[in-house]
Amino acid sequence: MSPDLRIVDFKVAGVPHKLAVLGKTAEEAETLAQTCAKIAEAGKKVMGSLPYDHYVFLLGFLPDGGMGGLEHSYSNLTLLPDSCL
């Protein structure tokens, strides 16, 4: 998709997760992956288990601003202004 796309793999409760982030450095992507892991862990606490066998967080940081998001069964897309983080 882009030479600037950063991908970080991690597991929560043994379930594979992936973060694909555009517009941030590799170091920032690692930090964001840790935050995404906390979100998944909180979801597990609320639901008792994770209702999927894999999950992908898609984050896009837009240089011209704009925001939005879309949730799917096995992924979510979140668009944020580049100034976030």
Protein backbone atom coordinates (compact mmCIF):
# COMPACT_ATOMS: atom_id res chain seq x y z
CA MET A 1 0.00 0.00 0.00
CA SER A 2 2.72 2.45 0.93
CA PRO A 3 6.44 2.42 1.70
CA ASP A 4 5.48 4.28 4.90
CA LEU A 5 3.02 1.65 6.13
CA ARG A 6 4.13 0.26 9.52
CA ILE A 7 2.90 -3.16 10.63
CA VAL A 8 3.21 -4.51 14.17
CA ASP A 9 2.05 -8.00 15.19
CA PHE A 10 1.08 -8.79 18.78
CA LYS A 11 -1.11 -11.20 20.74
CA VAL A 12 -3.75 -10.63 23.38
CA ALA A 13 -4.97 -13.67 25.30
CA GLY A 14 -3.29 -15.85 22.67
CA VAL A 15 -5.24 -14.22 19.83
CA PRO A 16 -3.18 -12.70 16.99
CA HIS A 17 -3.61 -8.98 16.42
CA LYS A 18 -2.06 -6.69 13.87
CA LEU A 19 -1.64 -2.94 13.73
CA ALA A 20 -1.20 -1.35 10.32
CA VAL A 21 -0.48 2.36 10.65
CA LEU A 22 0.19 5.03 8.05
CA GLY A 23 1.74 8.36 8.86
CA LYS A 24 3.82 7.48 11.94
CA THR A 25 7.34 6.21 12.57
CA ALA A 26 8.20 2.62 13.48
CA GLU A 27 8.73 3.69 17.10
CA GLU A 28 5.36 5.43 17.20
CA ALA A 29 3.74 2.33 15.68
CA GLU A 30 5.16 0.19 18.50
CA THR A 31 3.68 2.58 21.06
CA LEU A 32 0.34 2.54 19.26
CA ALA A 33 0.39 -1.28 19.21
CA GLN A 34 0.79 -1.29 22.98
CA THR A 35 -2.24 0.99 23.26
CA CYS A 36 -4.25 -1.23 20.89
CA ALA A 37 -3.32 -4.24 23.05
CA LYS A 38 -4.71 -2.44 26.10
CA ILE A 39 -7.95 -1.79 24.21
CA ALA A 40 -8.26 -5.49 23.30
CA GLU A 41 -7.48 -6.50 26.89
CA ALA A 42 -10.20 -4.17 28.17
CA GLY A 43 -12.65 -5.66 25.66
CA LYS A 44 -11.78 -9.15 26.89
CA LYS A 45 -12.50 -8.10 30.47
CA VAL A 46 -15.89 -6.70 29.49
CA MET A 47 -16.93 -9.63 27.28
CA GLY A 48 -15.17 -12.43 29.17
CA SER A 49 -13.31 -13.52 26.04
CA LEU A 50 -12.37 -12.18 22.65
CA PRO A 51 -15.13 -12.96 20.10
CA TYR A 52 -12.73 -13.37 17.16
CA ASP A 53 -9.75 -15.49 16.13
CA HIS A 54 -7.72 -12.55 14.75
CA TYR A 55 -8.06 -8.76 14.61
CA VAL A 56 -6.52 -5.86 12.67
CA PHE A 57 -6.31 -2.24 13.79
CA LEU A 58 -5.97 0.04 10.73
CA LEU A 59 -4.85 3.55 11.68
CA GLY A 60 -4.31 6.39 9.24
CA PHE A 61 -2.91 9.76 10.29
CA LEU A 62 -3.92 12.33 7.68
CA PRO A 63 -1.70 15.36 6.99
CA ASP A 64 -4.69 17.48 5.96
CA GLY A 65 -6.74 16.63 9.05
CA GLY A 66 -10.04 14.85 9.04
CA MET A 67 -11.33 12.08 11.25
CA GLY A 68 -13.53 9.04 11.02
CA GLY A 69 -13.81 5.40 11.81
CA LEU A 70 -15.46 2.17 10.81
CA GLU A 71 -15.76 -1.05 12.83
CA HIS A 72 -15.87 -4.52 11.28
CA SER A 73 -16.04 -8.01 12.79
CA TYR A 74 -12.29 -8.58 12.54
CA SER A 75 -10.89 -5.06 12.11
CA ASN A 76 -11.42 -1.37 12.52
CA LEU A 77 -10.34 1.62 10.49
CA THR A 78 -9.61 4.85 12.33
CA LEU A 79 -8.56 8.04 10.55
CA LEU A 80 -7.09 10.88 12.61
CA PRO A 81 -5.36 14.21 12.00
CA ASP A 82 -1.59 13.89 11.73
CA SER A 83 -1.23 16.08 14.82
CA CYS A 84 -2.63 13.30 17.05
CA LEU A 85 -0.21 11.25 19.20
